[in-house]
Every structure is written in C-alpha cells, then in structure tokens.
C-alpha cells in the first residue's frame, strides 16, 4: 500500500509538479466524468423510474454530461494555453524578467511578443523566476476558464440542447395526434353530387 501511494505521488509530481494549471484542467474533467457517472447510475438503478422514462432520461443525462465535459475542457484548456503562450513570448512578464531580456536582446521590441519566441528555452538561467511566474498565470487562467465554462457557457449550451429536445418532443406529439385524426372530406351539395354522378355514369351506359 505504501509503495502504491509512493508511486502515485511520483506520477503526479512527474506529470503535474511543474504544471499546476494542467492539473486543474485534468482534475476538473475527472470531476465532471465522475459526476456524470453518478447521475446516470442514479437514473439506471432507480426503481421508481419507469422503463419508458429511463429510455428518455438516460440519453438526456449522457448528452448533458458530454456538454459539461467538452465545454469545460475546451474552454479551460484554451484559456490556459493562451496564457502560457503570452508568458513564453514575453507579452506577460515580470519586471525582473523583462529587464533581463532587454539587457540581452538587441531588438527587444521584435523579440518580445514574437510567436517564435520561447523565453524558457532561450534563457534557461531564468528558469526559476520564469517557472514561478508561468505557473501562477496558468493557475489563474485555468480558474477563470473554469468559471466561465461552468457558469456561463455550459448552462447556455445545456438550455439550448434542452429547448431543442423539447421542440422535437412537441413535434412528435403533434405528429402522433395528426395520425389519430379522422380524415376530413369537403362537403358537397346534392346538385353537385348529381352532376358528378351523371358525368361518371351517363344515362346511355346504364342497363336494366
């Protein structure tokens, strides 16, 4: 048991020790997955819910879970990756790092903000200050992304999906009602009926 826990700690440090922002994204996704599994299981094993209701509720819960997980991962990781890029190119930086770069680079205005710039590789001597700053920015960006995803984007997407499913259900109900209706025929007068009959069966063709 001790070895298992030790291996788990080493694995976590190796993958997330220097990337706390990535850890927040992945643990957030894991949390959504576990929550979704709990929601679906609650429907599946609830004896008070009929099979007909389950056939609708289970796909609904799975669809909601997919929206939650995908929107959280895409938005949160996008915020984090954007923040990381801003730090690696020097658009976001500390005064100490910026002053050091200005003293080492001939054209700081062309170097800072260039998409090909990578301060971590170009200036390994700044690793300590750079990593501390980058990790802080990643954590803030991941937190902001998760807040926007969970409180703004995901509810909007879920409401839109629910509204669409509601419209489809109403359309199916109306379609079923139309199938059960007795076909209506236009009323005709007696004179019109006699004329139609005389045209179809002329008097000369009648036999007694």
C-alpha atoms as a PDB file:
ATOM      1  CA  UNK A   1       0.000   0.000   0.000  1.00  0.00           C
ATOM      2  CA  UNK A   2       2.841   2.361   0.860  1.00  0.00           C
ATOM      3  CA  UNK A   3       4.551   1.592  -2.443  1.00  0.00           C
ATOM      4  CA  UNK A   4       1.317   2.221  -4.333  1.00  0.00           C
ATOM      5  CA  UNK A   5       0.877   5.624  -2.671  1.00  0.00           C
ATOM      6  CA  UNK A   6       4.534   6.462  -3.309  1.00  0.00           C
ATOM      7  CA  UNK A   7       4.203   5.565  -6.986  1.00  0.00           C
ATOM      8  CA  UNK A   8       1.070   7.683  -7.228  1.00  0.00           C
ATOM      9  CA  UNK A   9       2.889  10.674  -5.704  1.00  0.00           C
ATOM     10  CA  UNK A  10       5.805  10.259  -8.084  1.00  0.00           C
ATOM     11  CA  UNK A  11       3.459  10.015 -11.059  1.00  0.00           C
ATOM     12  CA  UNK A  12       1.563  13.146 -10.008  1.00  0.00           C
ATOM     13  CA  UNK A  13       4.769  15.107  -9.476  1.00  0.00           C
ATOM     14  CA  UNK A  14       6.239  13.940 -12.772  1.00  0.00           C
ATOM     15  CA  UNK A  15       3.171  14.960 -14.769  1.00  0.00           C
ATOM     16  CA  UNK A  16       1.906  17.939 -12.812  1.00  0.00           C
ATOM     17  CA  UNK A  17       4.700  19.073 -10.500  1.00  0.00           C
ATOM     18  CA  UNK A  18       5.682  21.917 -12.802  1.00  0.00           C
ATOM     19  CA  UNK A  19       2.266  22.286 -14.474  1.00  0.00           C
ATOM     20  CA  UNK A  20      -0.376  23.070 -11.846  1.00  0.00           C
ATOM     21  CA  UNK A  21      -2.590  24.673 -14.490  1.00  0.00           C
ATOM     22  CA  UNK A  22      -2.726  21.420 -16.438  1.00  0.00           C
ATOM     23  CA  UNK A  23      -3.514  19.562 -13.220  1.00  0.00           C
ATOM     24  CA  UNK A  24      -6.513  21.857 -12.606  1.00  0.00           C
ATOM     25  CA  UNK A  25      -7.839  21.177 -16.099  1.00  0.00           C
ATOM     26  CA  UNK A  26      -7.449  17.401 -15.854  1.00  0.00           C
ATOM     27  CA  UNK A  27      -8.834  17.117 -12.317  1.00  0.00           C
ATOM     28  CA  UNK A  28     -11.772  19.284 -13.341  1.00  0.00           C
ATOM     29  CA  UNK A  29     -12.543  16.986 -16.258  1.00  0.00           C
ATOM     30  CA  UNK A  30     -12.212  13.961 -13.975  1.00  0.00           C
ATOM     31  CA  UNK A  31     -14.664  15.561 -11.563  1.00  0.00           C
ATOM     32  CA  UNK A  32     -17.216  16.106 -14.352  1.00  0.00           C
ATOM     33  CA  UNK A  33     -16.803  12.491 -15.508  1.00  0.00           C
ATOM     34  CA  UNK A  34     -17.375  11.102 -12.002  1.00  0.00           C
ATOM     35  CA  UNK A  35     -20.361  13.400 -11.524  1.00  0.00           C
ATOM     36  CA  UNK A  36     -21.855  12.255 -14.838  1.00  0.00           C
ATOM     37  CA  UNK A  37     -21.382   8.593 -13.915  1.00  0.00           C
ATOM     38  CA  UNK A  38     -23.168   9.208 -10.627  1.00  0.00           C
ATOM     39  CA  UNK A  39     -26.086  10.969 -12.358  1.00  0.00           C
ATOM     40  CA  UNK A  40     -26.555   8.228 -14.956  1.00  0.00           C
ATOM     41  CA  UNK A  41     -26.243   5.480 -12.325  1.00  0.00           C
ATOM     42  CA  UNK A  42     -28.882   7.216 -10.189  1.00  0.00           C
ATOM     43  CA  UNK A  43     -31.326   7.001 -13.100  1.00  0.00           C
ATOM     44  CA  UNK A  44     -30.400   3.450 -14.120  1.00  0.00           C
ATOM     45  CA  UNK A  45     -30.744   1.940 -10.637  1.00  0.00           C
ATOM     46  CA  UNK A  46     -33.781   3.946  -9.517  1.00  0.00           C
ATOM     47  CA  UNK A  47     -36.702   1.503  -9.332  1.00  0.00           C
ATOM     48  CA  UNK A  48     -39.210   4.353  -9.043  1.00  0.00           C
ATOM     49  CA  UNK A  49     -38.473   5.472 -12.608  1.00  0.00           C
ATOM     50  CA  UNK A  50     -40.275   3.536 -15.330  1.00  0.00           C
ATOM     51  CA  UNK A  51     -38.501   1.984 -18.306  1.00  0.00           C
ATOM     52  CA  UNK A  52     -40.167   4.497 -20.629  1.00  0.00           C
ATOM     53  CA  UNK A  53     -38.844   7.402 -18.526  1.00  0.00           C
ATOM     54  CA  UNK A  54     -35.383   5.826 -18.330  1.00  0.00           C
ATOM     55  CA  UNK A  55     -35.242   5.468 -22.108  1.00  0.00           C
ATOM     56  CA  UNK A  56     -35.549   9.252 -22.283  1.00  0.00           C
ATOM     57  CA  UNK A  57     -33.668  10.306 -19.146  1.00  0.00           C
ATOM     58  CA  UNK A  58     -30.512   8.204 -19.681  1.00  0.00           C
ATOM     59  CA  UNK A  59     -29.673   9.688 -23.120  1.00  0.00           C
ATOM     60  CA  UNK A  60     -30.540  13.114 -21.706  1.00  0.00           C
ATOM     61  CA  UNK A  61     -28.086  12.699 -18.813  1.00  0.00           C
ATOM     62  CA  UNK A  62     -25.368  11.377 -21.147  1.00  0.00           C
ATOM     63  CA  UNK A  63     -25.847  14.323 -23.501  1.00  0.00           C
ATOM     64  CA  UNK A  64     -25.687  16.786 -20.595  1.00  0.00           C
ATOM     65  CA  UNK A  65     -22.508  15.117 -19.360  1.00  0.00           C
ATOM     66  CA  UNK A  66     -20.909  15.374 -22.809  1.00  0.00           C
ATOM     67  CA  UNK A  67     -21.748  19.090 -22.973  1.00  0.00           C
ATOM     68  CA  UNK A  68     -20.340  19.673 -19.484  1.00  0.00           C
ATOM     69  CA  UNK A  69     -17.097  17.770 -20.075  1.00  0.00           C
ATOM     70  CA  UNK A  70     -16.352  19.049 -23.579  1.00  0.00           C
ATOM     71  CA  UNK A  71     -17.152  22.672 -22.832  1.00  0.00           C
ATOM     72  CA  UNK A  72     -15.132  22.614 -19.598  1.00  0.00           C
ATOM     73  CA  UNK A  73     -12.079  21.030 -21.225  1.00  0.00           C
ATOM     74  CA  UNK A  74     -12.098  23.144 -24.392  1.00  0.00           C
ATOM     75  CA  UNK A  75     -12.634  26.486 -22.675  1.00  0.00           C
ATOM     76  CA  UNK A  76     -10.401  25.915 -19.655  1.00  0.00           C
ATOM     77  CA  UNK A  77      -7.516  24.443 -21.635  1.00  0.00           C
ATOM     78  CA  UNK A  78      -7.839  27.227 -24.234  1.00  0.00           C
ATOM     79  CA  UNK A  79      -7.532  29.892 -21.539  1.00  0.00           C
ATOM     80  CA  UNK A  80      -4.541  28.112 -20.047  1.00  0.00           C
ATOM     81  CA  UNK A  81      -2.787  27.603 -23.392  1.00  0.00           C
ATOM     82  CA  UNK A  82      -3.322  31.232 -24.365  1.00  0.00           C
ATOM     83  CA  UNK A  83      -1.904  32.427 -21.051  1.00  0.00           C
ATOM     84  CA  UNK A  84       1.097  30.100 -21.418  1.00  0.00           C
ATOM     85  CA  UNK A  85       1.781  31.462 -24.891  1.00  0.00           C
ATOM     86  CA  UNK A  86       1.634  35.049 -23.652  1.00  0.00           C
ATOM     87  CA  UNK A  87       4.167  34.215 -20.944  1.00  0.00           C
ATOM     88  CA  UNK A  88       6.506  32.244 -23.208  1.00  0.00           C
ATOM     89  CA  UNK A  89       6.618  35.107 -25.738  1.00  0.00           C
ATOM     90  CA  UNK A  90       7.109  37.753 -23.051  1.00  0.00           C
ATOM     91  CA  UNK A  91       3.805  39.587 -23.557  1.00  0.00           C
ATOM     92  CA  UNK A  92       3.072  38.752 -19.937  1.00  0.00           C
ATOM     93  CA  UNK A  93       6.141  39.015 -17.758  1.00  0.00           C
ATOM     94  CA  UNK A  94       7.628  40.317 -14.535  1.00  0.00           C
ATOM     95  CA  UNK A  95       9.777  43.431 -14.383  1.00  0.00           C
ATOM     96  CA  UNK A  96      12.806  41.339 -13.469  1.00  0.00           C
ATOM     97  CA  UNK A  97      12.419  39.016 -16.472  1.00  0.00           C
ATOM     98  CA  UNK A  98      11.661  41.869 -18.848  1.00  0.00           C
ATOM     99  CA  UNK A  99      14.689  43.888 -17.724  1.00  0.00           C
ATOM    100  CA  UNK A 100      16.953  40.868 -18.131  1.00  0.00           C
ATOM    101  CA  UNK A 101      15.689  40.235 -21.673  1.00  0.00           C
ATOM    102  CA  UNK A 102      16.136  43.902 -22.576  1.00  0.00           C
ATOM    103  CA  UNK A 103      19.765  43.679 -21.491  1.00  0.00           C
ATOM    104  CA  UNK A 104      20.455  40.553 -23.561  1.00  0.00           C
ATOM    105  CA  UNK A 105      18.482  41.073 -26.767  1.00  0.00           C
ATOM    106  CA  UNK A 106      19.428  43.588 -29.478  1.00  0.00           C
ATOM    107  CA  UNK A 107      15.858  44.364 -30.515  1.00  0.00           C
ATOM    108  CA  UNK A 108      13.580  43.694 -27.530  1.00  0.00           C
ATOM    109  CA  UNK A 109      10.519  45.104 -29.310  1.00  0.00           C
ATOM    110  CA  UNK A 110      10.898  42.495 -32.080  1.00  0.00           C
ATOM    111  CA  UNK A 111      11.721  39.652 -29.724  1.00  0.00           C
ATOM    112  CA  UNK A 112       9.009  40.180 -27.107  1.00  0.00           C
ATOM    113  CA  UNK A 113       5.627  39.110 -28.411  1.00  0.00           C
ATOM    114  CA  UNK A 114       7.010  37.213 -31.396  1.00  0.00           C
ATOM    115  CA  UNK A 115       5.176  33.902 -31.858  1.00  0.00           C
ATOM    116  CA  UNK A 116       8.508  32.102 -32.284  1.00  0.00           C
ATOM    117  CA  UNK A 117       9.885  33.438 -29.017  1.00  0.00           C
ATOM    118  CA  UNK A 118      10.346  30.926 -26.207  1.00  0.00           C
ATOM    119  CA  UNK A 119      11.887  32.533 -23.139  1.00  0.00           C
ATOM    120  CA  UNK A 120      12.180  29.242 -21.275  1.00  0.00           C
ATOM    121  CA  UNK A 121      14.433  27.763 -23.981  1.00  0.00           C
ATOM    122  CA  UNK A 122      16.250  30.964 -24.883  1.00  0.00           C
ATOM    123  CA  UNK A 123      17.121  31.925 -21.316  1.00  0.00           C
ATOM    124  CA  UNK A 124      17.479  28.780 -19.157  1.00  0.00           C
ATOM    125  CA  UNK A 125      19.165  30.910 -16.496  1.00  0.00           C
ATOM    126  CA  UNK A 126      15.741  32.492 -15.850  1.00  0.00           C
ATOM    127  CA  UNK A 127      14.086  29.121 -15.210  1.00  0.00           C
ATOM    128  CA  UNK A 128      13.344  29.718 -11.522  1.00  0.00           C
ATOM    129  CA  UNK A 129      11.666  33.111 -11.926  1.00  0.00           C
ATOM    130  CA  UNK A 130      10.078  32.161 -15.222  1.00  0.00           C
ATOM    131  CA  UNK A 131       8.535  28.902 -13.952  1.00  0.00           C
ATOM    132  CA  UNK A 132       7.150  30.514 -10.811  1.00  0.00           C
ATOM    133  CA  UNK A 133       5.503  33.292 -12.815  1.00  0.00           C
ATOM    134  CA  UNK A 134       4.213  30.968 -15.551  1.00  0.00           C
ATOM    135  CA  UNK A 135       2.691  28.533 -13.062  1.00  0.00           C
ATOM    136  CA  UNK A 136       0.872  31.363 -11.317  1.00  0.00           C
ATOM    137  CA  UNK A 137      -0.501  32.692 -14.598  1.00  0.00           C
ATOM    138  CA  UNK A 138      -1.584  29.183 -15.675  1.00  0.00           C
ATOM    139  CA  UNK A 139      -3.475  28.641 -12.437  1.00  0.00           C
ATOM    140  CA  UNK A 140      -5.268  31.986 -12.719  1.00  0.00           C
ATOM    141  CA  UNK A 141      -6.129  31.401 -16.392  1.00  0.00           C
ATOM    142  CA  UNK A 142      -7.398  27.861 -15.704  1.00  0.00           C
ATOM    143  CA  UNK A 143      -9.537  29.137 -12.836  1.00  0.00           C
ATOM    144  CA  UNK A 144     -11.034  31.921 -14.947  1.00  0.00           C
ATOM    145  CA  UNK A 145     -11.697  29.489 -17.797  1.00  0.00           C
ATOM    146  CA  UNK A 146     -13.427  27.020 -15.492  1.00  0.00           C
ATOM    147  CA  UNK A 147     -15.626  29.767 -14.005  1.00  0.00           C
ATOM    148  CA  UNK A 148     -16.687  30.990 -17.456  1.00  0.00           C
ATOM    149  CA  UNK A 149     -17.322  27.431 -18.625  1.00  0.00           C
ATOM    150  CA  UNK A 150     -19.305  26.278 -15.591  1.00  0.00           C
ATOM    151  CA  UNK A 151     -21.328  29.451 -15.015  1.00  0.00           C
ATOM    152  CA  UNK A 152     -21.858  30.942 -18.476  1.00  0.00           C
ATOM    153  CA  UNK A 153     -21.131  28.722 -21.473  1.00  0.00           C
ATOM    154  CA  UNK A 154     -22.246  25.314 -20.175  1.00  0.00           C
ATOM    155  CA  UNK A 155     -25.673  26.488 -18.876  1.00  0.00           C
ATOM    156  CA  UNK A 156     -26.364  28.236 -22.198  1.00  0.00           C
ATOM    157  CA  UNK A 157     -25.441  25.131 -24.211  1.00  0.00           C
ATOM    158  CA  UNK A 158     -27.482  22.859 -21.942  1.00  0.00           C
ATOM    159  CA  UNK A 159     -30.529  25.138 -22.132  1.00  0.00           C
ATOM    160  CA  UNK A 160     -30.265  25.291 -25.919  1.00  0.00           C
ATOM    161  CA  UNK A 161     -29.998  21.490 -26.111  1.00  0.00           C
ATOM    162  CA  UNK A 162     -32.970  21.036 -23.759  1.00  0.00           C
ATOM    163  CA  UNK A 163     -35.043  23.519 -25.769  1.00  0.00           C
ATOM    164  CA  UNK A 164     -34.235  21.682 -28.992  1.00  0.00           C
ATOM    165  CA  UNK A 165     -35.231  18.331 -27.484  1.00  0.00           C
ATOM    166  CA  UNK A 166     -38.440  19.877 -26.172  1.00  0.00           C
ATOM    167  CA  UNK A 167     -39.306  21.167 -29.654  1.00  0.00           C
ATOM    168  CA  UNK A 168     -38.638  17.720 -31.132  1.00  0.00           C
ATOM    169  CA  UNK A 169     -40.841  16.064 -28.484  1.00  0.00           C
ATOM    170  CA  UNK A 170     -43.690  18.524 -29.153  1.00  0.00           C
ATOM    171  CA  UNK A 171     -43.358  17.941 -32.902  1.00  0.00           C
ATOM    172  CA  UNK A 172     -43.562  14.176 -32.371  1.00  0.00           C
ATOM    173  CA  UNK A 173     -46.642  14.592 -30.182  1.00  0.00           C
ATOM    174  CA  UNK A 174     -48.364  16.734 -32.817  1.00  0.00           C
ATOM    175  CA  UNK A 175     -47.419  14.212 -35.496  1.00  0.00           C
ATOM    176  CA  UNK A 176     -48.953  11.392 -33.467  1.00  0.00           C
ATOM    177  CA  UNK A 177     -52.107  13.430 -32.897  1.00  0.00           C
ATOM    178  CA  UNK A 178     -52.430  14.051 -36.625  1.00  0.00           C
ATOM    179  CA  UNK A 179     -52.140  10.318 -37.352  1.00  0.00           C
ATOM    180  CA  UNK A 180     -55.024   9.606 -34.964  1.00  0.00           C
ATOM    181  CA  UNK A 181     -57.296  12.195 -36.529  1.00  0.00           C
ATOM    182  CA  UNK A 182     -60.124  11.045 -38.858  1.00  0.00           C
ATOM    183  CA  UNK A 183     -59.502  12.411 -42.363  1.00  0.00           C
ATOM    184  CA  UNK A 184     -61.828  15.244 -43.191  1.00  0.00           C
ATOM    185  CA  UNK A 185     -63.637  15.451 -46.559  1.00  0.00           C
ATOM    186  CA  UNK A 186     -65.081  18.566 -48.128  1.00  0.00           C
ATOM    187  CA  UNK A 187     -68.869  18.776 -48.060  1.00  0.00           C
ATOM    188  CA  UNK A 188     -70.677  18.891 -51.410  1.00  0.00           C
ATOM    189  CA  UNK A 189     -74.239  19.817 -52.259  1.00  0.00           C
ATOM    190  CA  UNK A 190     -76.821  17.413 -53.681  1.00  0.00           C
ATOM    191  CA  UNK A 191     -76.796  19.208 -57.048  1.00  0.00           C
ATOM    192  CA  UNK A 192     -73.022  18.827 -57.275  1.00  0.00           C
ATOM    193  CA  UNK A 193     -73.298  15.143 -56.427  1.00  0.00           C
ATOM    194  CA  UNK A 194     -75.921  14.558 -59.158  1.00  0.00           C
ATOM    195  CA  UNK A 195     -73.780  16.358 -61.726  1.00  0.00           C
ATOM    196  CA  UNK A 196     -70.709  14.300 -60.763  1.00  0.00           C
ATOM    197  CA  UNK A 197     -72.708  11.069 -60.946  1.00  0.00           C
ATOM    198  CA  UNK A 198     -74.186  11.945 -64.353  1.00  0.00           C
ATOM    199  CA  UNK A 199     -70.703  12.727 -65.732  1.00  0.00           C
ATOM    200  CA  UNK A 200     -69.299   9.441 -64.478  1.00  0.00           C
ATOM    201  CA  UNK A 201     -72.290   7.284 -65.431  1.00  0.00           C
ATOM    202  CA  UNK A 202     -74.074   8.786 -68.472  1.00  0.00           C
ATOM    203  CA  UNK A 203     -77.670   7.683 -68.903  1.00  0.00           C
ATOM    204  CA  UNK A 204     -76.878   5.828 -72.133  1.00  0.00           C
ATOM    205  CA  UNK A 205     -74.492   3.459 -70.373  1.00  0.00           C
ATOM    206  CA  UNK A 206     -76.995   2.332 -67.697  1.00  0.00           C
ATOM    207  CA  UNK A 207     -78.531  -1.103 -68.187  1.00  0.00           C
ATOM    208  CA  UNK A 208     -81.575  -2.595 -66.530  1.00  0.00           C
END
